């Protein structure tokens, strides 16, 4: 009986070429593997939990969950900030350079105003009555506080 059943099942396959037997077998193997991996009958129903329920099994999140504790971050930032001492660089010539830069810019501006007024005779009444000169300009000394060490 076994032989008769084997002949009955295998008789249609004997007439199929070897190349087609391979692809039929491969397709059958893929279908069986797919069914075993994605079997809807083996799935357990997932319980729908509500807030406050106790889980009866371990639940694995499908994605990473990131929670930022703002109060803790603020406390850490403040503690790190208080541990870092500020670094100051004192440049003694910086004030003199700034004053010199201002003076040269002021003189350039004064020259531009003077040349623009002399080129237009209709605006002669707009010329400034007095002009600053280097010697007549009051000088102010710049004092910097002493550096603490």
N, C-alpha and C. Protein backbone atom coordinates (compact mmCIF):
# COMPACT_ATOMS: atom_id res chain seq x y z
N UNK A 1 0.82 -1.18 0.00
CA UNK A 1 0.00 0.00 0.00
C UNK A 1 0.88 1.26 0.00
N UNK A 2 1.93 1.20 0.73
CA UNK A 2 2.83 2.34 0.79
C UNK A 2 3.42 2.61 -0.59
N UNK A 3 3.83 1.58 -1.28
CA UNK A 3 4.39 1.74 -2.62
C UNK A 3 3.34 2.28 -3.58
N UNK A 4 2.13 1.81 -3.45
CA UNK A 4 1.07 2.26 -4.36
C UNK A 4 0.76 3.74 -4.12
N UNK A 5 0.72 4.13 -2.86
CA UNK A 5 0.48 5.53 -2.54
C UNK A 5 1.65 6.39 -3.02
N UNK A 6 2.89 5.93 -2.85
CA UNK A 6 4.08 6.65 -3.31
C UNK A 6 4.07 6.82 -4.82
N UNK A 7 3.68 5.73 -5.56
CA UNK A 7 3.61 5.84 -7.02
C UNK A 7 2.52 6.82 -7.44
N UNK A 8 1.41 6.80 -6.76
CA UNK A 8 0.28 7.67 -7.10
C UNK A 8 0.66 9.15 -6.91
N UNK A 9 1.43 9.45 -5.85
CA UNK A 9 1.84 10.83 -5.56
C UNK A 9 3.01 11.24 -6.46
N UNK A 10 3.96 10.35 -6.65
CA UNK A 10 5.18 10.70 -7.38
C UNK A 10 5.05 10.56 -8.89
N UNK A 11 4.02 9.90 -9.40
CA UNK A 11 3.88 9.69 -10.85
C UNK A 11 3.77 11.01 -11.61
N UNK A 12 3.01 12.02 -11.16
CA UNK A 12 2.99 13.28 -11.91
C UNK A 12 4.34 14.01 -11.85
N UNK A 13 5.08 13.82 -10.79
CA UNK A 13 6.36 14.52 -10.62
C UNK A 13 7.44 13.89 -11.48
N UNK A 14 7.34 12.59 -11.82
CA UNK A 14 8.37 11.92 -12.62
C UNK A 14 8.47 12.52 -14.01
N UNK A 15 7.42 13.05 -14.55
CA UNK A 15 7.44 13.61 -15.90
C UNK A 15 7.96 15.05 -15.93
N UNK A 16 8.19 15.65 -14.76
CA UNK A 16 8.66 17.02 -14.67
C UNK A 16 10.18 17.03 -14.79
N UNK A 17 10.75 17.98 -15.58
CA UNK A 17 12.22 18.04 -15.71
C UNK A 17 12.88 18.40 -14.36
N UNK A 18 14.17 18.06 -14.26
CA UNK A 18 14.92 18.27 -13.01
C UNK A 18 14.97 19.74 -12.60
N UNK A 19 15.13 20.61 -13.55
CA UNK A 19 15.20 22.04 -13.26
C UNK A 19 13.89 22.52 -12.62
N UNK A 20 12.78 22.08 -13.14
CA UNK A 20 11.49 22.48 -12.59
C UNK A 20 11.23 21.82 -11.24
N UNK A 21 11.75 20.60 -11.03
CA UNK A 21 11.63 19.94 -9.71
C UNK A 21 12.34 20.75 -8.63
N UNK A 22 13.55 21.25 -9.01
CA UNK A 22 14.29 22.06 -8.05
C UNK A 22 13.49 23.30 -7.64
N UNK A 23 12.97 24.04 -8.62
CA UNK A 23 12.25 25.27 -8.32
C UNK A 23 10.93 25.01 -7.61
N UNK A 24 10.27 23.93 -7.91
CA UNK A 24 9.05 23.57 -7.18
C UNK A 24 9.37 23.24 -5.72
N UNK A 25 10.45 22.49 -5.50
CA UNK A 25 10.87 22.16 -4.14
C UNK A 25 11.29 23.41 -3.37
N UNK A 26 12.02 24.28 -4.02
CA UNK A 26 12.45 25.53 -3.38
C UNK A 26 11.26 26.39 -3.01
N UNK A 27 10.28 26.50 -3.91
CA UNK A 27 9.08 27.29 -3.64
C UNK A 27 8.29 26.69 -2.48
N UNK A 28 8.16 25.37 -2.46
CA UNK A 28 7.44 24.70 -1.38
C UNK A 28 8.16 24.92 -0.04
N UNK A 29 9.48 24.85 -0.04
CA UNK A 29 10.26 25.09 1.17
C UNK A 29 10.07 26.54 1.67
N UNK A 30 10.08 27.51 0.75
CA UNK A 30 9.87 28.92 1.14
C UNK A 30 8.48 29.12 1.72
N UNK A 31 7.46 28.52 1.13
CA UNK A 31 6.10 28.67 1.63
C UNK A 31 5.95 28.06 3.02
N UNK A 32 6.54 26.90 3.24
CA UNK A 32 6.45 26.26 4.56
C UNK A 32 7.18 27.10 5.61
N UNK A 33 8.37 27.61 5.26
CA UNK A 33 9.14 28.44 6.19
C UNK A 33 8.38 29.72 6.52
N UNK A 34 7.78 30.34 5.51
CA UNK A 34 7.01 31.56 5.74
C UNK A 34 5.83 31.29 6.66
N UNK A 35 5.15 30.18 6.44
CA UNK A 35 4.00 29.85 7.28
C UNK A 35 4.43 29.57 8.72
N UNK A 36 5.58 28.91 8.90
CA UNK A 36 6.05 28.64 10.26
C UNK A 36 6.49 29.92 10.98
N UNK A 37 7.09 30.84 10.25
CA UNK A 37 7.54 32.08 10.88
C UNK A 37 6.37 33.01 11.18
N UNK A 38 5.46 33.11 10.24
CA UNK A 38 4.35 34.07 10.36
C UNK A 38 3.02 33.32 10.53
N UNK A 39 3.00 32.45 11.49
CA UNK A 39 1.79 31.65 11.71
C UNK A 39 0.80 32.44 12.57
N UNK A 40 -0.36 32.78 12.02
CA UNK A 40 -1.33 33.54 12.81
C UNK A 40 -1.97 32.71 13.92
N UNK A 41 -1.90 31.41 13.84
CA UNK A 41 -2.52 30.55 14.85
C UNK A 41 -1.66 30.45 16.11
N UNK A 42 -0.37 30.70 16.01
CA UNK A 42 0.51 30.59 17.16
C UNK A 42 0.59 31.89 17.95
N UNK A 43 0.06 32.95 17.43
CA UNK A 43 0.14 34.23 18.12
C UNK A 43 -0.75 34.24 19.34
N UNK A 44 -0.19 34.82 20.38
CA UNK A 44 -1.00 34.98 21.58
C UNK A 44 -1.65 36.36 21.52
N UNK A 45 -2.79 36.46 22.08
CA UNK A 45 -3.45 37.75 22.08
C UNK A 45 -2.75 38.66 23.09
N UNK A 46 -2.42 39.84 22.65
CA UNK A 46 -1.76 40.79 23.55
C UNK A 46 -2.84 41.47 24.39
N UNK A 47 -2.55 41.51 25.65
CA UNK A 47 -3.51 42.13 26.55
C UNK A 47 -3.41 43.64 26.44
N UNK A 48 -4.54 44.29 26.51
CA UNK A 48 -4.58 45.74 26.49
C UNK A 48 -4.56 46.24 27.93
N UNK A 49 -3.43 46.80 28.33
CA UNK A 49 -3.29 47.29 29.70
C UNK A 49 -3.77 48.73 29.79
N UNK A 50 -4.27 49.08 30.93
CA UNK A 50 -4.66 50.45 31.22
C UNK A 50 -3.73 50.99 32.29
N UNK A 51 -3.76 52.28 32.49
CA UNK A 51 -2.90 52.89 33.49
C UNK A 51 -3.25 52.35 34.87
N UNK A 52 -2.22 51.88 35.57
CA UNK A 52 -2.41 51.34 36.91
C UNK A 52 -2.51 49.82 36.94
N UNK A 53 -2.69 49.16 35.77
CA UNK A 53 -2.76 47.70 35.73
C UNK A 53 -1.39 47.09 35.99
N UNK A 54 -1.40 45.89 36.52
CA UNK A 54 -0.16 45.15 36.76
C UNK A 54 0.03 44.19 35.60
N UNK A 55 1.22 44.26 34.95
CA UNK A 55 1.49 43.42 33.79
C UNK A 55 1.72 41.99 34.24
N UNK A 56 1.14 41.04 33.50
CA UNK A 56 1.30 39.63 33.85
C UNK A 56 2.52 39.02 33.18
N UNK A 57 3.16 39.77 32.28
CA UNK A 57 4.36 39.27 31.58
C UNK A 57 5.26 40.45 31.25
N UNK A 58 6.47 40.15 30.82
CA UNK A 58 7.41 41.20 30.43
C UNK A 58 6.97 41.81 29.10
N UNK A 59 7.04 43.11 29.03
CA UNK A 59 6.65 43.81 27.81
C UNK A 59 7.89 44.52 27.28
N UNK A 60 8.21 44.28 26.01
CA UNK A 60 9.37 44.88 25.38
C UNK A 60 8.88 45.98 24.43
N UNK A 61 9.46 47.15 24.58
CA UNK A 61 9.06 48.28 23.75
C UNK A 61 9.58 48.08 22.33
N UNK A 62 8.78 48.41 21.33
CA UNK A 62 9.25 48.26 19.95
C UNK A 62 10.23 49.35 19.54
N UNK A 63 10.37 50.42 20.32
CA UNK A 63 11.30 51.50 20.00
C UNK A 63 11.92 52.02 21.29
N UNK A 64 13.04 52.71 21.15
CA UNK A 64 13.69 53.31 22.32
C UNK A 64 12.84 54.47 22.84
N UNK A 65 12.74 54.56 24.13
CA UNK A 65 11.98 55.64 24.77
C UNK A 65 12.97 56.47 25.58
N UNK A 66 13.01 57.77 25.29
CA UNK A 66 13.92 58.67 25.97
C UNK A 66 13.12 59.69 26.77
N UNK A 67 13.44 59.80 28.04
CA UNK A 67 12.79 60.76 28.91
C UNK A 67 13.87 61.66 29.49
N UNK A 68 13.67 62.98 29.38
CA UNK A 68 14.65 63.94 29.88
C UNK A 68 14.10 64.57 31.15
N UNK A 69 14.88 64.46 32.21
CA UNK A 69 14.50 65.04 33.50
C UNK A 69 15.07 66.46 33.54
N UNK A 70 14.22 67.45 33.30
CA UNK A 70 14.68 68.84 33.22
C UNK A 70 15.23 69.34 34.56
N UNK A 71 14.60 68.97 35.67
CA UNK A 71 15.09 69.43 36.97
C UNK A 71 16.48 68.88 37.28
N UNK A 72 16.69 67.60 36.96
CA UNK A 72 18.00 66.98 37.19
C UNK A 72 19.05 67.60 36.29
N UNK A 73 18.69 67.85 35.02
CA UNK A 73 19.63 68.49 34.09
C UNK A 73 20.02 69.88 34.58
N UNK A 74 19.05 70.64 35.07
CA UNK A 74 19.33 71.98 35.57
C UNK A 74 20.25 71.93 36.78
N UNK A 75 20.01 70.97 37.68
CA UNK A 75 20.85 70.84 38.87
C UNK A 75 22.29 70.47 38.46
N UNK A 76 22.43 69.56 37.51
CA UNK A 76 23.77 69.15 37.06
C UNK A 76 24.48 70.32 36.39
N UNK A 77 23.77 71.06 35.53
CA UNK A 77 24.39 72.22 34.87
C UNK A 77 24.88 73.24 35.87
N UNK A 78 24.07 73.52 36.88
CA UNK A 78 24.46 74.51 37.90
C UNK A 78 25.68 74.04 38.69
N UNK A 79 25.72 72.76 39.02
CA UNK A 79 26.87 72.26 39.78
C UNK A 79 28.14 72.29 38.95
N UNK A 80 28.03 71.99 37.66
CA UNK A 80 29.21 72.05 36.79
C UNK A 80 29.62 73.49 36.56
N UNK A 81 28.64 74.37 36.35
CA UNK A 81 28.93 75.78 36.12
C UNK A 81 29.64 76.41 37.32
N UNK A 82 29.22 76.04 38.52
CA UNK A 82 29.86 76.62 39.71
C UNK A 82 31.27 76.06 39.92
N UNK A 83 31.58 74.93 39.36
CA UNK A 83 32.91 74.34 39.51
C UNK A 83 33.94 74.89 38.53
N UNK A 84 33.51 75.64 37.53
CA UNK A 84 34.43 76.18 36.53
C UNK A 84 34.74 77.62 36.88
N UNK A 85 36.03 77.93 37.01
CA UNK A 85 36.42 79.31 37.32
C UNK A 85 36.57 80.08 36.02
N UNK A 86 36.13 81.34 35.99
CA UNK A 86 36.26 82.12 34.76
C UNK A 86 37.72 82.51 34.51
N UNK A 87 38.06 82.65 33.24
CA UNK A 87 39.41 83.03 32.85
C UNK A 87 39.33 84.38 32.15
N UNK A 88 40.07 85.37 32.67
CA UNK A 88 40.10 86.70 32.09
C UNK A 88 41.50 86.98 31.59
N UNK A 89 41.58 87.64 30.45
CA UNK A 89 42.87 88.06 29.91
C UNK A 89 42.91 89.58 29.91
N UNK A 90 43.87 90.14 30.60
CA UNK A 90 44.01 91.59 30.66
C UNK A 90 44.99 92.03 29.59
N UNK A 91 44.53 92.89 28.69
CA UNK A 91 45.38 93.43 27.64
C UNK A 91 45.53 94.93 27.89
N UNK A 92 46.69 95.31 28.37
CA UNK A 92 46.92 96.70 28.79
C UNK A 92 46.84 97.66 27.61
N UNK A 93 47.28 97.27 26.44
CA UNK A 93 47.31 98.16 25.29
C UNK A 93 45.96 98.23 24.57
N UNK A 94 45.03 97.42 24.96
CA UNK A 94 43.74 97.37 24.26
C UNK A 94 42.98 98.69 24.37
N UNK A 95 43.01 99.33 25.54
CA UNK A 95 42.31 100.60 25.72
C UNK A 95 42.94 101.68 24.85
N UNK A 96 44.27 101.73 24.79
CA UNK A 96 44.94 102.72 23.95
C UNK A 96 44.62 102.50 22.48
N UNK A 97 44.56 101.25 22.06
CA UNK A 97 44.23 100.94 20.67
C UNK A 97 42.81 101.38 20.35
N UNK A 98 41.87 101.17 21.27
CA UNK A 98 40.49 101.56 21.05
C UNK A 98 40.37 103.08 20.95
N UNK A 99 41.09 103.81 21.82
CA UNK A 99 41.06 105.27 21.78
C UNK A 99 41.66 105.77 20.48
N UNK A 100 42.76 105.19 20.07
CA UNK A 100 43.41 105.59 18.82
C UNK A 100 42.51 105.29 17.63
N UNK A 101 41.85 104.18 17.63
CA UNK A 101 40.93 103.82 16.55
C UNK A 101 39.77 104.81 16.48
N UNK A 102 39.25 105.19 17.64
CA UNK A 102 38.15 106.16 17.68
C UNK A 102 38.61 107.52 17.16
N UNK A 103 39.79 107.94 17.57
CA UNK A 103 40.31 109.24 17.13
C UNK A 103 40.49 109.27 15.62
N UNK A 104 41.06 108.20 15.07
CA UNK A 104 41.27 108.19 13.61
C UNK A 104 39.94 108.15 12.87
N UNK A 105 38.96 107.44 13.39
CA UNK A 105 37.65 107.41 12.75
C UNK A 105 36.99 108.78 12.83
N UNK A 106 37.13 109.47 13.96
CA UNK A 106 36.56 110.80 14.13
C UNK A 106 37.21 111.80 13.17
N UNK A 107 38.52 111.70 13.03
CA UNK A 107 39.24 112.60 12.11
C UNK A 107 38.83 112.32 10.67
N UNK A 108 38.67 111.07 10.29
CA UNK A 108 38.22 110.74 8.94
C UNK A 108 36.82 111.29 8.69
N UNK A 109 35.96 111.16 9.68
CA UNK A 109 34.61 111.69 9.56
C UNK A 109 34.64 113.21 9.43
N UNK A 110 35.48 113.87 10.22
CA UNK A 110 35.59 115.33 10.14
C UNK A 110 36.10 115.75 8.77
N UNK A 111 37.08 115.05 8.23
CA UNK A 111 37.60 115.37 6.90
C UNK A 111 36.53 115.19 5.84
N UNK A 112 35.73 114.12 5.94
CA UNK A 112 34.67 113.86 4.97
C UNK A 112 33.60 114.94 5.03
N UNK A 113 33.27 115.40 6.21
CA UNK A 113 32.27 116.45 6.36
C UNK A 113 32.81 117.75 5.77
N UNK A 114 34.07 118.05 6.05
CA UNK A 114 34.68 119.29 5.55
C UNK A 114 34.76 119.27 4.02
N UNK A 115 35.17 118.19 3.42
CA UNK A 115 35.30 118.13 1.97
C UNK A 115 33.94 118.12 1.30
N UNK A 116 32.95 117.52 1.89
CA UNK A 116 31.63 117.52 1.27
C UNK A 116 31.00 118.90 1.33
N UNK A 117 31.28 119.69 2.38
CA UNK A 117 30.74 121.04 2.49
C UNK A 117 31.45 122.01 1.57
N UNK A 118 32.74 121.85 1.36
CA UNK A 118 33.47 122.78 0.51
C UNK A 118 33.15 122.54 -0.95
N UNK A 119 32.68 121.41 -1.35
CA UNK A 119 32.36 121.11 -2.74
C UNK A 119 31.01 121.69 -3.16
N UNK A 120 30.17 122.02 -2.22
CA UNK A 120 28.86 122.56 -2.59
C UNK A 120 28.75 124.00 -2.09
N UNK A 121 28.84 124.98 -2.99
CA UNK A 121 28.82 126.38 -2.55
C UNK A 121 27.46 126.81 -2.01
N UNK A 122 26.37 126.13 -2.38
CA UNK A 122 25.05 126.50 -1.90
C UNK A 122 24.84 126.17 -0.43
N UNK A 123 25.69 125.31 0.10
CA UNK A 123 25.51 124.89 1.48
C UNK A 123 26.60 125.47 2.37
N UNK A 124 27.11 126.60 2.05
CA UNK A 124 28.18 127.21 2.83
C UNK A 124 27.71 127.61 4.21
N UNK A 125 26.41 127.89 4.36
CA UNK A 125 25.91 128.28 5.67
C UNK A 125 25.81 127.09 6.63
N UNK A 126 25.96 125.86 6.13
CA UNK A 126 25.88 124.68 6.97
C UNK A 126 27.23 124.27 7.55
N UNK A 127 28.29 124.97 7.22
CA UNK A 127 29.61 124.63 7.74
C UNK A 127 29.63 124.82 9.24
N UNK A 128 30.32 123.94 9.97
CA UNK A 128 30.40 124.12 11.41
C UNK A 128 31.20 125.37 11.75
N UNK A 129 30.80 126.07 12.81
CA UNK A 129 31.45 127.31 13.21
C UNK A 129 32.84 127.03 13.80
N UNK A 130 32.95 126.02 14.60
CA UNK A 130 34.23 125.69 15.20
C UNK A 130 34.57 124.24 14.91
N UNK A 131 35.83 123.91 14.90
CA UNK A 131 36.23 122.54 14.65
C UNK A 131 37.13 122.07 15.78
N UNK A 132 37.03 120.79 16.03
CA UNK A 132 37.90 120.20 17.04
C UNK A 132 39.27 120.00 16.44
N UNK A 133 40.24 120.24 17.22
CA UNK A 133 41.60 119.90 16.82
C UNK A 133 42.18 118.99 17.88
N UNK A 134 43.26 118.42 17.54
CA UNK A 134 43.85 117.46 18.47
C UNK A 134 44.27 118.14 19.76
N UNK A 135 44.79 119.33 19.70
CA UNK A 135 45.28 120.02 20.90
C UNK A 135 44.16 120.61 21.73
N UNK A 136 43.06 121.05 21.07
CA UNK A 136 42.00 121.70 21.83
C UNK A 136 40.99 120.70 22.39
N UNK A 137 41.06 119.47 22.01
CA UNK A 137 40.13 118.45 22.48
C UNK A 137 40.48 118.06 23.92
N UNK A 138 39.52 118.11 24.83
CA UNK A 138 39.84 117.73 26.21
C UNK A 138 40.17 116.24 26.28
N UNK A 139 41.16 115.93 27.02
CA UNK A 139 41.57 114.53 27.15
C UNK A 139 41.08 113.98 28.47
N UNK A 140 40.59 112.76 28.39
CA UNK A 140 40.17 112.08 29.61
C UNK A 140 41.06 110.85 29.76
N UNK A 141 41.52 110.65 30.93
CA UNK A 141 42.33 109.47 31.16
C UNK A 141 41.41 108.30 31.47
N UNK A 142 41.82 107.15 31.01
CA UNK A 142 41.03 105.95 31.21
C UNK A 142 41.66 105.16 32.35
N UNK A 143 40.87 104.85 33.35
CA UNK A 143 41.36 104.10 34.50
C UNK A 143 40.71 102.73 34.52
N UNK A 144 41.51 101.71 34.71
CA UNK A 144 41.01 100.35 34.81
C UNK A 144 41.16 99.88 36.24
N UNK A 145 40.20 99.14 36.73
CA UNK A 145 40.36 98.63 38.11
C UNK A 145 41.50 97.62 38.17
N UNK A 146 42.08 97.53 39.34
CA UNK A 146 43.19 96.59 39.50
C UNK A 146 42.68 95.17 39.39
N UNK A 147 43.52 94.36 38.79
CA UNK A 147 43.14 92.95 38.58
C UNK A 147 43.33 92.16 39.86
N UNK A 148 42.29 91.41 40.21
CA UNK A 148 42.40 90.56 41.42
C UNK A 148 43.03 89.23 41.04
N UNK A 149 43.84 88.72 41.89
CA UNK A 149 44.47 87.42 41.63
C UNK A 149 44.00 86.39 42.60
